[in-house]
N, C-alpha and C. Protein backbone atom coordinates (compact mmCIF):
# COMPACT_ATOMS: atom_id res chain seq x y z
N MET A 1 0.83 -1.03 0.09
CA MET A 1 -0.13 0.01 -0.02
C MET A 1 0.89 1.09 0.00
N ALA A 2 0.23 2.40 -0.59
CA ALA A 2 0.92 3.70 -0.68
C ALA A 2 1.20 4.10 0.96
N ILE A 3 2.39 4.82 1.15
CA ILE A 3 2.61 5.29 2.33
C ILE A 3 2.64 6.85 2.42
N SER A 4 1.61 7.53 2.66
CA SER A 4 1.79 8.91 2.76
C SER A 4 1.29 9.67 3.64
N THR A 5 0.69 9.09 4.80
CA THR A 5 0.08 9.56 6.08
C THR A 5 0.38 8.84 7.24
N TYR A 6 0.55 9.37 8.57
CA TYR A 6 0.90 8.59 9.54
C TYR A 6 0.18 7.56 9.77
N ALA A 7 -1.29 7.53 9.59
CA ALA A 7 -2.06 6.48 9.67
C ALA A 7 -1.45 5.08 8.75
N GLU A 8 -1.43 5.57 7.63
CA GLU A 8 -0.82 4.72 6.37
C GLU A 8 0.65 3.93 6.94
N LEU A 9 1.48 4.83 7.72
CA LEU A 9 2.54 4.47 8.00
C LEU A 9 2.53 3.45 9.13
N LYS A 10 1.61 3.48 10.07
CA LYS A 10 1.32 2.86 11.32
C LYS A 10 0.92 1.41 10.60
N THR A 11 -0.06 1.35 9.73
CA THR A 11 -0.64 0.16 8.91
C THR A 11 0.28 -0.50 8.48
N SER A 12 1.28 0.11 7.65
CA SER A 12 2.50 -0.69 6.95
C SER A 12 3.39 -1.11 7.90
N ILE A 13 3.68 -0.77 8.99
CA ILE A 13 4.62 -1.11 9.96
C ILE A 13 4.04 -2.58 10.57
N ALA A 14 2.64 -2.56 11.03
CA ALA A 14 1.95 -3.58 11.38
C ALA A 14 2.07 -4.76 10.18
N ASP A 15 1.57 -4.27 9.23
CA ASP A 15 1.81 -5.46 7.96
C ASP A 15 3.00 -6.09 7.87
N PHE A 16 4.22 -5.14 8.05
CA PHE A 16 5.27 -5.90 7.41
C PHE A 16 5.79 -6.98 8.43
N LEU A 17 5.20 -6.52 9.90
CA LEU A 17 5.52 -7.46 11.09
C LEU A 17 4.58 -8.70 11.31
N ASN A 18 3.35 -8.64 10.37
CA ASN A 18 2.35 -9.33 10.55
C ASN A 18 1.79 -9.64 11.99
N ARG A 19 1.61 -8.44 12.61
CA ARG A 19 1.09 -8.36 13.84
C ARG A 19 0.00 -7.22 13.93
N ASP A 20 -0.85 -7.57 14.82
CA ASP A 20 -2.11 -6.83 14.86
C ASP A 20 -2.27 -6.57 16.65
N ASP A 21 -1.04 -6.87 17.34
CA ASP A 21 -1.38 -6.51 18.76
C ASP A 21 -0.15 -5.76 19.48
N ILE A 22 0.31 -4.77 18.52
CA ILE A 22 1.28 -3.95 18.90
C ILE A 22 0.96 -2.28 18.46
N ASP A 23 -0.30 -1.99 18.37
CA ASP A 23 -0.83 -0.93 17.66
C ASP A 23 -0.27 0.10 18.59
N ASP A 24 -0.47 -0.07 19.98
CA ASP A 24 -0.27 1.15 20.96
C ASP A 24 1.16 1.28 21.10
N VAL A 25 2.30 0.79 20.58
CA VAL A 25 3.59 0.96 20.77
C VAL A 25 4.31 1.30 19.34
N ILE A 26 3.45 1.18 18.29
CA ILE A 26 3.93 1.49 16.79
C ILE A 26 4.09 3.07 16.93
N PRO A 27 3.46 4.02 17.56
CA PRO A 27 3.84 5.44 17.53
C PRO A 27 5.16 5.64 18.25
N THR A 28 5.59 4.88 19.36
CA THR A 28 6.91 5.08 19.87
C THR A 28 8.00 4.71 18.88
N PHE A 29 7.97 3.44 18.16
CA PHE A 29 8.96 3.05 17.26
C PHE A 29 8.97 4.40 16.33
N ILE A 30 7.75 4.97 15.62
CA ILE A 30 7.99 6.15 14.81
C ILE A 30 8.79 7.29 15.44
N SER A 31 8.39 7.66 16.65
CA SER A 31 9.19 8.66 17.30
C SER A 31 10.44 8.44 17.54
N LEU A 32 11.03 7.11 17.85
CA LEU A 32 12.37 6.57 17.99
C LEU A 32 13.25 6.82 16.58
N ALA A 33 12.47 6.60 15.66
CA ALA A 33 12.82 6.76 14.21
C ALA A 33 13.05 8.31 13.81
N GLU A 34 12.34 9.05 14.20
CA GLU A 34 12.52 10.68 14.31
C GLU A 34 13.47 11.14 14.78
N ALA A 35 13.87 10.58 15.68
CA ALA A 35 15.06 11.22 16.83
C ALA A 35 16.21 10.88 15.96
N GLY A 36 16.36 9.67 15.21
CA GLY A 36 17.21 9.18 14.70
C GLY A 36 17.63 10.09 13.47
N PHE A 37 16.62 10.36 12.80
CA PHE A 37 16.51 11.28 11.55
C PHE A 37 17.16 12.61 11.79
N ASN A 38 16.63 13.15 12.94
CA ASN A 38 17.27 14.42 13.36
C ASN A 38 18.75 14.37 13.71
N ARG A 39 19.37 13.30 13.91
CA ARG A 39 20.64 13.05 14.28
C ARG A 39 21.39 12.97 12.65
N ASP A 40 21.05 12.08 11.91
CA ASP A 40 21.48 11.40 10.85
C ASP A 40 21.33 12.44 9.58
N ILE A 41 20.21 13.05 9.48
CA ILE A 41 19.95 13.83 8.21
C ILE A 41 20.46 15.24 8.07
N ARG A 42 20.90 15.52 7.10
CA ARG A 42 20.87 17.04 6.70
C ARG A 42 20.76 17.21 5.39
N HIS A 43 19.62 17.44 5.12
CA HIS A 43 18.97 17.72 3.88
C HIS A 43 18.53 19.15 3.68
N TYR A 44 18.61 19.56 2.45
CA TYR A 44 18.24 21.04 2.15
C TYR A 44 16.79 21.01 2.35
N SER A 45 15.89 20.27 2.40
CA SER A 45 14.39 20.56 2.88
C SER A 45 14.53 21.06 4.55
N MET A 46 15.62 20.57 5.00
CA MET A 46 15.49 20.87 6.66
C MET A 46 15.88 22.49 6.89
N GLU A 47 16.69 23.19 5.72
CA GLU A 47 16.90 24.25 5.95
C GLU A 47 15.85 25.44 6.28
N SER A 48 16.20 26.12 7.49
CA SER A 48 15.00 27.22 7.88
C SER A 48 15.89 28.51 8.13
N ARG A 49 15.02 29.61 7.65
CA ARG A 49 15.73 31.11 8.07
C ARG A 49 14.70 31.95 8.88
N GLN A 50 15.43 32.53 9.95
CA GLN A 50 14.62 33.36 10.75
C GLN A 50 15.54 34.88 11.29
N THR A 51 14.74 35.78 11.00
CA THR A 51 15.36 37.13 11.44
C THR A 51 14.78 37.73 12.81
N ALA A 52 15.57 38.14 13.59
CA ALA A 52 15.19 38.82 14.83
C ALA A 52 15.90 39.82 15.29
N SER A 53 15.53 40.91 15.85
CA SER A 53 16.06 42.17 16.21
C SER A 53 16.24 42.14 17.90
N THR A 54 17.55 42.45 18.04
CA THR A 54 17.89 42.21 19.49
C THR A 54 18.85 43.53 19.93
N ASP A 55 18.81 43.89 21.29
CA ASP A 55 19.59 44.54 21.48
C ASP A 55 20.27 43.92 22.88
N GLU A 56 20.18 42.86 23.08
CA GLU A 56 20.67 41.88 24.12
C GLU A 56 21.56 41.08 23.88
N ARG A 57 22.58 40.76 24.95
CA ARG A 57 23.94 39.87 24.77
C ARG A 57 23.60 38.53 24.33
N PHE A 58 22.40 38.10 24.84
CA PHE A 58 21.90 36.66 24.50
C PHE A 58 20.75 36.68 23.24
N LEU A 59 20.80 35.60 22.52
CA LEU A 59 19.39 35.67 21.63
C LEU A 59 19.07 34.17 21.77
N THR A 60 17.72 33.81 21.75
CA THR A 60 17.20 32.75 22.14
C THR A 60 17.12 31.83 20.98
N ARG A 61 17.62 30.81 20.97
CA ARG A 61 17.76 29.84 19.73
C ARG A 61 16.28 29.49 19.42
N PRO A 62 15.93 29.12 17.91
CA PRO A 62 14.55 28.51 17.74
C PRO A 62 14.37 27.27 18.27
N SER A 63 12.92 27.08 18.52
CA SER A 63 12.73 25.76 19.50
C SER A 63 12.98 24.58 18.37
N ASP A 64 13.24 24.68 17.08
CA ASP A 64 13.27 23.43 16.18
C ASP A 64 14.60 23.59 15.67
N TRP A 65 15.62 24.20 16.36
CA TRP A 65 17.11 24.20 15.93
C TRP A 65 17.99 23.08 16.07
N LEU A 66 18.51 22.68 15.13
CA LEU A 66 19.51 21.62 15.04
C LEU A 66 20.83 22.03 14.94
N GLU A 67 21.15 22.79 13.78
CA GLU A 67 22.51 23.03 13.72
C GLU A 67 22.53 24.26 12.77
N THR A 68 23.61 24.96 13.35
CA THR A 68 23.62 26.45 12.58
C THR A 68 24.22 26.38 11.31
N ILE A 69 23.80 27.06 10.03
CA ILE A 69 24.51 26.95 8.87
C ILE A 69 25.22 28.35 8.58
N ARG A 70 24.71 29.52 8.96
CA ARG A 70 25.18 30.58 9.13
C ARG A 70 24.51 31.69 9.81
N MET A 71 25.06 32.69 10.39
CA MET A 71 24.72 33.83 10.95
C MET A 71 25.00 35.13 10.49
N ASN A 72 24.23 36.08 10.25
CA ASN A 72 24.36 37.31 9.52
C ASN A 72 23.81 38.49 10.46
N LEU A 73 24.56 39.81 10.26
CA LEU A 73 23.72 40.84 10.48
C LEU A 73 23.32 41.43 9.05
N VAL A 74 21.92 41.70 9.28
CA VAL A 74 21.44 42.22 8.12
C VAL A 74 20.76 43.65 8.39
N GLY A 75 20.33 44.60 7.41
CA GLY A 75 19.84 45.75 7.30
C GLY A 75 20.47 46.75 6.50
N SER A 76 21.36 47.54 7.33
CA SER A 76 22.31 48.61 6.53
C SER A 76 23.53 47.55 6.24
N GLY A 77 23.36 46.94 5.17
CA GLY A 77 24.76 46.08 4.97
C GLY A 77 24.70 44.48 5.45
N THR A 78 25.27 43.89 5.10
CA THR A 78 25.18 42.42 5.80
C THR A 78 26.64 42.11 6.20
N SER A 79 27.02 41.49 7.23
CA SER A 79 28.11 41.22 7.49
C SER A 79 28.01 39.57 8.45
N THR A 80 28.96 38.87 8.15
CA THR A 80 28.87 37.44 8.85
C THR A 80 29.41 37.83 10.52
N ILE A 81 28.32 36.77 11.28
CA ILE A 81 28.97 36.78 12.71
C ILE A 81 29.36 35.50 12.89
N GLU A 82 30.48 35.27 12.98
CA GLU A 82 31.41 33.95 13.19
C GLU A 82 31.25 33.18 14.69
N LEU A 83 31.39 31.87 14.16
CA LEU A 83 31.08 31.05 15.65
C LEU A 83 32.73 31.25 16.50
N MET A 84 32.38 31.36 17.94
CA MET A 84 33.66 31.30 18.79
C MET A 84 33.38 30.45 19.86
N SER A 85 34.47 29.75 20.38
CA SER A 85 34.08 29.01 21.63
C SER A 85 33.77 30.03 22.77
N ALA A 86 32.73 29.19 23.64
CA ALA A 86 32.57 29.80 24.95
C ALA A 86 33.77 30.41 25.64
N HIS A 87 34.81 29.49 25.62
CA HIS A 87 35.97 30.16 26.61
C HIS A 87 36.50 31.13 25.95
N GLY A 88 36.57 31.18 24.65
CA GLY A 88 37.29 32.29 23.85
C GLY A 88 36.45 33.61 23.72
N MET A 89 35.08 33.45 23.64
CA MET A 89 34.15 34.66 24.22
C MET A 89 34.52 35.19 25.38
N GLN A 90 34.69 34.42 26.40
CA GLN A 90 34.93 34.93 27.99
C GLN A 90 36.49 35.67 27.90
N ASP A 91 37.31 35.11 27.17
CA ASP A 91 38.57 35.79 27.17
C ASP A 91 38.47 37.13 26.51
N SER A 92 37.60 37.13 25.21
CA SER A 92 37.59 38.35 24.51
C SER A 92 36.97 39.56 25.38
N ARG A 93 35.90 39.04 25.98
CA ARG A 93 35.13 39.85 26.82
C ARG A 93 36.21 40.34 28.01
N GLN A 94 36.98 39.97 28.52
CA GLN A 94 37.68 40.31 29.55
C GLN A 94 38.80 41.34 28.89
N ALA A 95 39.47 40.91 27.62
CA ALA A 95 40.30 41.67 26.92
C ALA A 95 39.78 42.99 26.74
N SER A 96 38.68 43.16 26.29
CA SER A 96 38.10 44.38 25.69
C SER A 96 37.14 45.17 26.77
N SER A 97 37.48 44.64 28.09
CA SER A 97 36.40 45.11 29.35
C SER A 97 35.14 45.28 28.95
N ASP A 98 34.69 44.27 28.22
CA ASP A 98 33.24 43.96 27.77
C ASP A 98 32.51 45.25 27.10
N THR A 99 33.36 45.94 26.32
CA THR A 99 32.66 46.92 25.52
C THR A 99 31.73 46.65 24.72
N ALA A 100 30.53 47.16 24.80
CA ALA A 100 29.55 47.02 23.55
C ALA A 100 29.79 47.47 22.43
N GLY A 101 29.13 46.66 21.15
CA GLY A 101 29.49 47.37 19.90
C GLY A 101 28.68 46.60 18.77
N THR A 102 29.16 46.45 17.71
CA THR A 102 28.60 45.41 16.40
C THR A 102 28.83 44.11 16.91
N PRO A 103 28.06 43.10 17.02
CA PRO A 103 28.26 41.75 17.21
C PRO A 103 29.11 41.32 15.90
N ALA A 104 30.14 40.60 16.19
CA ALA A 104 30.94 40.01 15.19
C ALA A 104 31.26 38.52 15.35
N TYR A 105 30.77 37.99 16.53
CA TYR A 105 30.98 36.67 16.84
C TYR A 105 29.83 36.07 17.52
N TYR A 106 29.65 34.62 17.89
CA TYR A 106 28.54 34.24 18.63
C TYR A 106 29.00 32.81 19.19
N ALA A 107 28.71 32.48 20.39
CA ALA A 107 28.85 31.20 20.87
C ALA A 107 27.38 30.63 21.48
N HIS A 108 27.71 29.30 21.68
CA HIS A 108 26.37 28.55 22.29
C HIS A 108 26.75 28.43 23.83
N VAL A 109 25.63 29.08 24.10
CA VAL A 109 25.73 28.99 25.69
C VAL A 109 24.21 28.90 26.27
N ASP A 110 23.97 27.74 27.14
CA ASP A 110 22.70 27.43 27.96
C ASP A 110 21.62 27.59 27.02
N GLY A 111 21.72 26.97 25.81
CA GLY A 111 20.44 26.98 24.89
C GLY A 111 20.33 28.12 24.20
N ASN A 112 21.14 29.01 24.08
CA ASN A 112 21.04 30.30 23.62
C ASN A 112 22.36 30.89 22.78
N PHE A 113 22.31 31.69 21.95
CA PHE A 113 23.31 32.39 21.10
C PHE A 113 23.87 33.55 22.06
N GLU A 114 25.29 33.35 22.38
CA GLU A 114 25.55 34.72 23.09
C GLU A 114 26.59 35.53 22.06
N LEU A 115 26.24 36.88 21.83
CA LEU A 115 26.87 37.68 20.85
C LEU A 115 27.94 38.44 21.60
N PHE A 116 28.94 38.70 20.73
CA PHE A 116 30.17 39.38 21.40
C PHE A 116 30.61 40.29 19.87
N PRO A 117 30.90 41.61 20.06
CA PRO A 117 30.42 42.34 21.35
C PRO A 117 29.10 42.54 21.44
N SER A 118 28.44 42.72 22.73
CA SER A 118 27.33 42.65 23.03
C SER A 118 26.82 44.08 22.48
N PRO A 119 25.68 43.83 21.68
CA PRO A 119 25.03 44.79 20.89
C PRO A 119 24.91 46.53 21.49
N ASP A 120 25.48 47.26 20.85
CA ASP A 120 25.09 48.60 21.67
C ASP A 120 24.15 49.52 21.13
N SER A 121 23.09 48.85 20.23
CA SER A 121 22.00 49.25 19.74
C SER A 121 21.36 48.30 19.18
N SER A 122 20.04 47.99 18.71
CA SER A 122 19.50 47.14 18.07
C SER A 122 20.00 46.53 16.83
N VAL A 123 19.91 45.37 16.59
CA VAL A 123 20.53 44.86 15.48
C VAL A 123 19.75 43.88 14.93
N ASP A 124 19.66 43.62 13.54
CA ASP A 124 18.99 42.64 12.91
C ASP A 124 19.70 41.45 12.80
N VAL A 125 19.26 40.23 13.15
CA VAL A 125 20.27 39.02 12.89
C VAL A 125 19.50 37.98 12.11
N GLU A 126 20.22 37.67 11.06
CA GLU A 126 19.51 36.50 10.24
C GLU A 126 20.28 35.30 10.68
N LEU A 127 19.29 34.21 10.60
CA LEU A 127 19.86 32.86 11.06
C LEU A 127 19.63 31.84 10.20
N LEU A 128 20.33 31.16 9.31
CA LEU A 128 20.03 30.01 8.42
C LEU A 128 20.53 28.94 9.26
N TYR A 129 19.53 27.92 9.34
CA TYR A 129 20.00 26.61 10.29
C TYR A 129 19.22 25.40 9.72
N PHE A 130 19.48 24.34 10.27
CA PHE A 130 19.01 22.93 10.01
C PHE A 130 17.64 23.03 11.16
N ALA A 131 16.75 22.73 10.65
CA ALA A 131 15.66 22.52 11.70
C ALA A 131 14.87 21.23 12.07
N LYS A 132 14.59 20.74 13.03
CA LYS A 132 13.74 19.39 13.39
C LYS A 132 13.10 19.14 12.04
N ILE A 133 12.85 17.89 11.98
CA ILE A 133 11.93 17.33 10.82
C ILE A 133 10.78 17.45 11.87
N PRO A 134 9.64 18.27 11.26
CA PRO A 134 8.25 17.89 11.92
C PRO A 134 7.70 16.57 12.57
N ALA A 135 7.73 16.25 13.43
CA ALA A 135 7.12 15.19 14.07
C ALA A 135 5.75 14.56 13.43
N LEU A 136 5.49 13.35 13.28
CA LEU A 136 4.15 12.79 12.84
C LEU A 136 3.35 12.59 14.05
N SER A 137 2.12 13.04 13.55
CA SER A 137 1.12 12.59 14.70
C SER A 137 -0.26 12.46 14.22
N ASP A 138 -1.35 11.99 15.04
CA ASP A 138 -2.66 12.02 14.40
C ASP A 138 -2.96 13.61 13.86
N SER A 139 -2.54 14.58 14.59
CA SER A 139 -3.00 15.88 13.94
C SER A 139 -1.80 16.49 13.14
N ASN A 140 -0.74 16.07 13.02
CA ASN A 140 0.17 16.30 11.92
C ASN A 140 0.47 15.11 11.07
N THR A 141 -0.15 15.01 10.14
CA THR A 141 -0.29 13.54 9.49
C THR A 141 0.75 13.21 8.29
N SER A 142 1.27 14.04 8.02
CA SER A 142 2.41 14.06 7.01
C SER A 142 3.57 15.15 7.06
N ASN A 143 4.85 14.83 6.38
CA ASN A 143 5.84 16.19 6.42
C ASN A 143 6.71 15.57 5.26
N TRP A 144 7.57 16.61 5.08
CA TRP A 144 8.21 16.64 3.61
C TRP A 144 9.00 15.34 3.68
N LEU A 145 9.41 14.72 4.77
CA LEU A 145 10.37 13.45 4.74
C LEU A 145 9.61 12.24 4.19
N LEU A 146 8.26 12.22 4.95
CA LEU A 146 7.44 11.18 4.49
C LEU A 146 6.87 10.97 3.15
N SER A 147 6.59 12.39 2.57
CA SER A 147 6.20 12.55 1.25
C SER A 147 7.27 12.06 0.42
N GLN A 148 8.53 12.29 0.62
CA GLN A 148 9.65 12.08 -0.28
C GLN A 148 10.54 10.51 -0.20
N TYR A 149 10.37 10.10 0.99
CA TYR A 149 11.09 9.09 1.61
C TYR A 149 10.46 8.26 2.36
N PRO A 150 8.99 7.77 1.97
CA PRO A 150 8.18 6.94 2.88
C PRO A 150 8.99 5.60 3.26
N ASP A 151 9.79 5.15 2.20
CA ASP A 151 10.46 3.79 2.60
C ASP A 151 11.38 4.08 3.96
N LEU A 152 12.19 5.24 4.02
CA LEU A 152 13.06 5.60 5.26
C LEU A 152 12.50 5.39 6.52
N TYR A 153 10.98 6.01 6.37
CA TYR A 153 10.35 5.96 7.64
C TYR A 153 9.89 4.80 8.16
N LEU A 154 9.56 3.92 6.89
CA LEU A 154 9.35 2.49 7.32
C LEU A 154 10.52 1.84 7.83
N TYR A 155 11.59 1.73 7.14
CA TYR A 155 12.61 1.10 7.48
C TYR A 155 13.23 1.37 8.97
N ALA A 156 13.08 2.62 9.15
CA ALA A 156 13.76 3.15 10.45
C ALA A 156 12.83 2.87 11.71
N SER A 157 11.61 2.87 11.35
CA SER A 157 10.62 2.45 12.47
C SER A 157 10.76 0.78 12.63
N LEU A 158 10.94 0.24 11.68
CA LEU A 158 11.01 -1.40 11.81
C LEU A 158 12.37 -1.83 12.41
N ALA A 159 13.30 -1.07 12.15
CA ALA A 159 14.55 -1.52 12.93
C ALA A 159 14.51 -1.17 14.64
N HIS A 160 13.42 -0.24 14.85
CA HIS A 160 13.33 -0.14 16.54
C HIS A 160 12.34 -1.14 16.99
N THR A 161 11.73 -1.90 16.10
CA THR A 161 10.88 -2.75 16.52
C THR A 161 11.43 -4.28 16.97
N ALA A 162 12.51 -4.37 16.22
CA ALA A 162 13.08 -5.73 16.43
C ALA A 162 13.58 -6.12 18.14
N PRO A 163 14.05 -5.16 18.65
CA PRO A 163 14.83 -5.39 20.05
C PRO A 163 13.47 -5.55 20.72
N TYR A 164 12.12 -4.88 20.45
CA TYR A 164 10.98 -4.75 21.22
C TYR A 164 10.45 -6.08 21.29
N LEU A 165 10.40 -6.60 20.04
CA LEU A 165 9.99 -7.85 19.63
C LEU A 165 10.96 -9.38 19.86
N GLN A 166 11.96 -8.98 20.36
CA GLN A 166 13.29 -9.83 20.53
C GLN A 166 13.43 -10.77 19.09
N GLU A 167 13.48 -9.93 18.23
CA GLU A 167 13.82 -10.28 16.82
C GLU A 167 15.12 -9.92 16.47
N ASP A 168 16.09 -10.30 17.00
CA ASP A 168 17.46 -9.33 16.85
C ASP A 168 17.96 -9.77 15.48
N ALA A 169 17.48 -11.06 14.82
CA ALA A 169 18.09 -11.24 13.51
C ALA A 169 17.47 -10.24 12.40
N ARG A 170 16.58 -9.53 12.61
CA ARG A 170 16.11 -8.52 11.67
C ARG A 170 16.49 -7.21 12.00
N ILE A 171 17.40 -7.04 13.02
CA ILE A 171 17.87 -5.66 13.16
C ILE A 171 19.03 -5.61 12.11
N PRO A 172 19.98 -6.18 11.71
CA PRO A 172 20.93 -5.90 10.52
C PRO A 172 19.95 -5.70 8.97
N ILE A 173 18.95 -6.29 9.04
CA ILE A 173 18.24 -5.99 7.90
C ILE A 173 17.57 -4.66 7.61
N TRP A 174 17.00 -4.44 8.70
CA TRP A 174 16.35 -2.85 8.67
C TRP A 174 17.32 -1.87 8.95
N THR A 175 18.67 -2.10 9.67
CA THR A 175 19.58 -1.01 9.86
C THR A 175 20.36 -0.77 8.40
N THR A 176 20.78 -1.87 7.70
CA THR A 176 21.19 -1.73 6.38
C THR A 176 20.60 -0.90 5.77
N LEU A 177 19.40 -1.15 5.40
CA LEU A 177 18.21 -0.58 4.49
C LEU A 177 18.24 0.97 5.14
N TYR A 178 18.18 1.20 6.25
CA TYR A 178 18.17 2.55 6.72
C TYR A 178 19.25 3.39 6.38
N LYS A 179 20.37 2.78 6.60
CA LYS A 179 21.69 3.51 6.33
C LYS A 179 21.93 3.77 5.05
N GLU A 180 21.62 2.65 4.10
CA GLU A 180 21.72 2.96 2.68
C GLU A 180 20.64 4.25 2.34
N LEU A 181 19.60 4.04 2.82
CA LEU A 181 18.74 5.16 2.22
C LEU A 181 19.19 6.78 2.67
N ILE A 182 19.83 6.84 4.08
CA ILE A 182 20.34 7.86 4.74
C ILE A 182 21.27 8.42 3.62
N GLU A 183 22.23 7.67 3.24
CA GLU A 183 23.40 8.10 2.49
C GLU A 183 23.00 8.56 1.12
N THR A 184 21.88 7.72 0.81
CA THR A 184 21.31 8.30 -0.81
C THR A 184 20.65 9.65 -0.53
N MET A 185 19.98 9.87 0.41
CA MET A 185 19.36 11.10 0.46
C MET A 185 20.02 12.38 0.82
N ASN A 186 20.91 12.02 1.60
CA ASN A 186 22.32 13.11 1.92
C ASN A 186 23.02 13.36 0.60
N ASN A 187 23.57 12.61 -0.01
CA ASN A 187 24.17 12.70 -1.34
C ASN A 187 23.29 13.24 -2.42
N GLU A 188 21.88 13.05 -2.25
CA GLU A 188 21.08 13.57 -3.39
C GLU A 188 21.06 15.29 -3.02
N SER A 189 20.97 15.40 -1.64
CA SER A 189 20.91 16.92 -1.07
C SER A 189 22.01 17.59 -1.58
N ASP A 190 23.24 17.15 -1.36
CA ASP A 190 24.44 17.67 -1.57
C ASP A 190 24.41 18.00 -3.27
N SER A 191 24.02 17.05 -4.00
CA SER A 191 24.13 17.14 -5.50
C SER A 191 22.94 18.35 -5.87
N ALA A 192 21.92 18.21 -5.16
CA ALA A 192 21.01 19.20 -5.52
C ALA A 192 21.43 20.92 -5.38
N LYS A 193 22.12 20.87 -4.20
CA LYS A 193 22.46 22.31 -3.57
C LYS A 193 23.58 22.67 -4.51
N TRP A 194 24.42 21.55 -5.23
CA TRP A 194 25.62 22.36 -6.03
C TRP A 194 25.48 22.08 -7.23
N SER A 195 24.17 22.01 -7.95
CA SER A 195 23.84 21.72 -9.44
C SER A 195 23.68 23.09 -9.93
N GLY A 196 23.44 23.22 -11.26
CA GLY A 196 23.35 24.38 -12.07
C GLY A 196 24.57 24.58 -12.86
N THR A 197 24.85 25.97 -12.88
CA THR A 197 25.85 26.20 -14.05
C THR A 197 27.28 26.17 -13.34
N GLY A 198 27.42 25.83 -12.17
CA GLY A 198 28.83 25.40 -11.61
C GLY A 198 29.15 26.88 -10.84
N LEU A 199 30.18 26.78 -9.85
CA LEU A 199 30.46 27.77 -9.29
C LEU A 199 31.82 28.62 -9.89
N LYS A 200 31.93 30.08 -9.75
CA LYS A 200 32.85 30.57 -10.40
C LYS A 200 33.72 31.10 -9.42
N PRO A 201 35.09 31.02 -9.43
CA PRO A 201 36.01 31.74 -8.44
C PRO A 201 35.80 33.12 -8.72
N LYS A 202 36.00 33.94 -7.45
CA LYS A 202 36.07 35.34 -7.26
C LYS A 202 37.33 35.68 -6.97
N ILE A 203 38.10 36.50 -8.23
CA ILE A 203 39.50 36.96 -8.11
C ILE A 203 39.38 38.37 -7.83
N ARG A 204 40.13 38.61 -6.93
CA ARG A 204 40.07 39.94 -6.20
C ARG A 204 41.70 40.44 -6.74
N GLY A 205 41.59 41.86 -7.02
CA GLY A 205 42.71 42.61 -7.74
C GLY A 205 43.71 42.69 -6.22
N LEU A 206 44.74 42.98 -6.73
CA LEU A 206 46.04 43.15 -5.58
C LEU A 206 46.26 44.79 -5.47
N GLY A 207 46.48 45.14 -4.44
CA GLY A 207 46.88 46.77 -4.09
C GLY A 207 45.62 47.50 -3.64
């Protein structure tokens, strides 16, 4: 059967296992699969962009944040905000007597972005990041991953059923299929992002 919704995915999992007594735990297998997706997949469909204005030292990370791709100041001109270690930021604050200015660096601190220097006025920050894959549920019946890669959802969920059902012999089967599909989709994403007319080098003059 086609797998395009949460309900169809649950039915397919039960059909593959030939079981009609595990309906209550199938959502758990799907949730575990989704946790693995967020660790293993970095696909262009996960890219998300947000802009926020702040005059504070700390900027709250988006709730669906997984990994930063880039951070920029936007508005009157664009400049990159570079990643810095928390230890390096503390050293820089001490060396500059924590003088406020235009943020040029950020660090990850307590679930937030810490900006350095702290803004001396309101700035517009644009964040491009990898977002978590929206979890399936009875109210959120599909997402981009299920639409494009229903087989990945199926094999990943089945891999988590094997320990529960004490069918260890099936673990390598589902795991191998899962890893092959993860590699395929990540490669497809890379190819798509670099497709087109090709990159041209930027040559700067001397002097």
